[in-house]
Amino acid sequence: MTELRSTPPVVLAVAGGDVKARALDALQDGARAIIVDCTDAGYLDTTALGSLVSLQRKCDQLQVELFIANLNPELTALFQVAKLDTAFAIAPTVDLALEAATR
C-alpha cells in the first residue's frame, strides 16, 4: 500500500536566503508543494531565476507542485518577457497558492 504524502506545503520567503537549498531540504523531508514568496524581492538576478528553473525541474521529477507568489509588477513583467509565466504556477498571494496546493 502506498502512503500518501500528508506534509503541508512549505512556504519559503525569497528574502530568507538560498531558496533552492531550502526547497531541496523541504523536498527531501517530503514536501508535496513548495511556495516561493517573493513579497520582499525587489528583483531577481539571472542566478536566482536559474535556481528557480532548476527547482521547477526537480519538482516536476518528484511530482511536487511549485508556486511563485507575490510577484511585484516589475517581476511579473520580467517573468512575462522571459516566458517564465508559462513555466511556473504563479499566484497573486501566498494564501491563494496555499489554497491551490491543498486541493
Protein backbone atom coordinates (compact mmCIF):
# COMPACT_ATOMS: atom_id res chain seq x y z
CA MET A 1 0.00 0.00 0.00
CA THR A 2 1.38 3.41 -0.98
CA GLU A 3 1.39 6.03 1.73
CA LEU A 4 0.01 9.39 0.62
CA ARG A 5 2.07 12.42 1.50
CA SER A 6 0.39 14.46 4.17
CA THR A 7 3.14 17.03 4.59
CA PRO A 8 1.71 20.54 4.33
CA PRO A 9 3.00 22.89 1.64
CA VAL A 10 6.26 24.64 2.51
CA VAL A 11 6.38 28.43 2.15
CA LEU A 12 9.83 29.93 1.55
CA ALA A 13 10.50 33.66 1.53
CA VAL A 14 12.96 34.83 -1.10
CA ALA A 15 14.40 37.23 1.48
CA GLY A 16 15.39 34.26 3.65
CA GLY A 17 18.45 33.37 1.59
CA ASP A 18 19.18 30.43 -0.69
CA VAL A 19 15.67 29.39 -1.72
CA LYS A 20 16.82 26.46 -3.83
CA ALA A 21 18.82 24.88 -0.98
CA ARG A 22 15.96 25.35 1.47
CA ALA A 23 13.48 23.97 -1.06
CA LEU A 24 15.64 20.91 -1.73
CA ASP A 25 15.77 20.29 2.04
CA ALA A 26 11.97 20.54 2.16
CA LEU A 27 11.66 18.12 -0.76
CA GLN A 28 13.95 15.68 1.00
CA ASP A 29 11.66 15.96 4.04
CA GLY A 30 8.67 15.00 1.87
CA ALA A 31 7.09 18.35 1.00
CA ARG A 32 4.28 17.94 -1.51
CA ALA A 33 4.24 21.60 -2.54
CA ILE A 34 6.69 24.47 -2.40
CA ILE A 35 5.58 28.10 -2.40
CA VAL A 36 8.22 30.73 -3.06
CA ASP A 37 7.06 34.02 -1.55
CA CYS A 38 8.52 36.98 -3.47
CA THR A 39 6.97 39.66 -1.25
CA ASP A 40 10.34 41.12 -0.27
CA ALA A 41 12.10 40.53 -3.59
CA GLY A 42 12.80 43.83 -5.28
CA TYR A 43 14.39 41.97 -8.19
CA LEU A 44 15.70 38.54 -9.13
CA ASP A 45 19.02 38.28 -10.94
CA THR A 46 19.85 35.63 -13.53
CA THR A 47 21.31 33.35 -10.85
CA ALA A 48 18.06 33.45 -8.87
CA LEU A 49 15.97 32.86 -12.00
CA GLY A 50 18.21 29.93 -12.96
CA SER A 51 17.79 28.47 -9.48
CA LEU A 52 14.01 28.70 -9.79
CA VAL A 53 14.08 26.98 -13.19
CA SER A 54 16.31 24.23 -11.78
CA LEU A 55 14.00 23.86 -8.79
CA GLN A 56 10.98 23.62 -11.11
CA ARG A 57 12.65 20.75 -12.96
CA LYS A 58 13.36 18.94 -9.68
CA CYS A 59 9.76 19.46 -8.54
CA ASP A 60 8.50 18.13 -11.89
CA GLN A 61 10.63 14.99 -11.46
CA LEU A 62 9.19 14.42 -7.99
CA GLN A 63 5.64 15.40 -8.98
CA VAL A 64 5.67 18.21 -6.44
CA GLU A 65 3.90 21.49 -7.10
CA LEU A 66 5.98 24.67 -7.16
CA PHE A 67 4.23 28.02 -6.83
CA ILE A 68 5.66 31.51 -7.16
CA ALA A 69 3.64 34.03 -5.12
CA ASN A 70 3.51 37.79 -4.60
CA LEU A 71 5.41 38.94 -7.67
CA ASN A 72 5.64 42.72 -7.83
CA PRO A 73 4.78 44.43 -11.15
CA GLU A 74 8.42 44.53 -12.26
CA LEU A 75 8.96 40.83 -11.56
CA THR A 76 5.65 39.99 -13.24
CA ALA A 77 6.85 41.82 -16.36
CA LEU A 78 10.22 40.03 -16.18
CA PHE A 79 8.53 36.63 -15.92
CA GLN A 80 6.33 37.51 -18.91
CA VAL A 81 9.19 38.77 -21.09
CA ALA A 82 11.31 35.72 -20.24
CA LYS A 83 8.27 33.46 -20.83
CA LEU A 84 8.64 32.13 -17.29
CA ASP A 85 4.99 32.89 -16.59
CA THR A 86 4.17 29.74 -18.59
CA ALA A 87 6.81 27.63 -16.81
CA PHE A 88 5.64 28.33 -13.26
CA ALA A 89 2.37 28.28 -11.38
CA ILE A 90 2.11 31.92 -10.33
CA ALA A 91 -0.26 33.00 -7.59
CA PRO A 92 -1.09 36.59 -6.61
CA THR A 93 -0.78 35.75 -2.89
CA VAL A 94 0.61 33.04 -0.65
CA ASP A 95 -2.91 32.33 0.61
CA LEU A 96 -4.13 31.60 -2.93
CA ALA A 97 -1.08 29.42 -3.55
CA LEU A 98 -1.78 27.51 -0.34
CA GLU A 99 -5.39 27.07 -1.39
CA ALA A 100 -4.34 25.72 -4.79
CA ALA A 101 -1.68 23.47 -3.24
CA THR A 102 -4.12 21.83 -0.85
CA ARG A 103 -6.69 20.91 -3.48
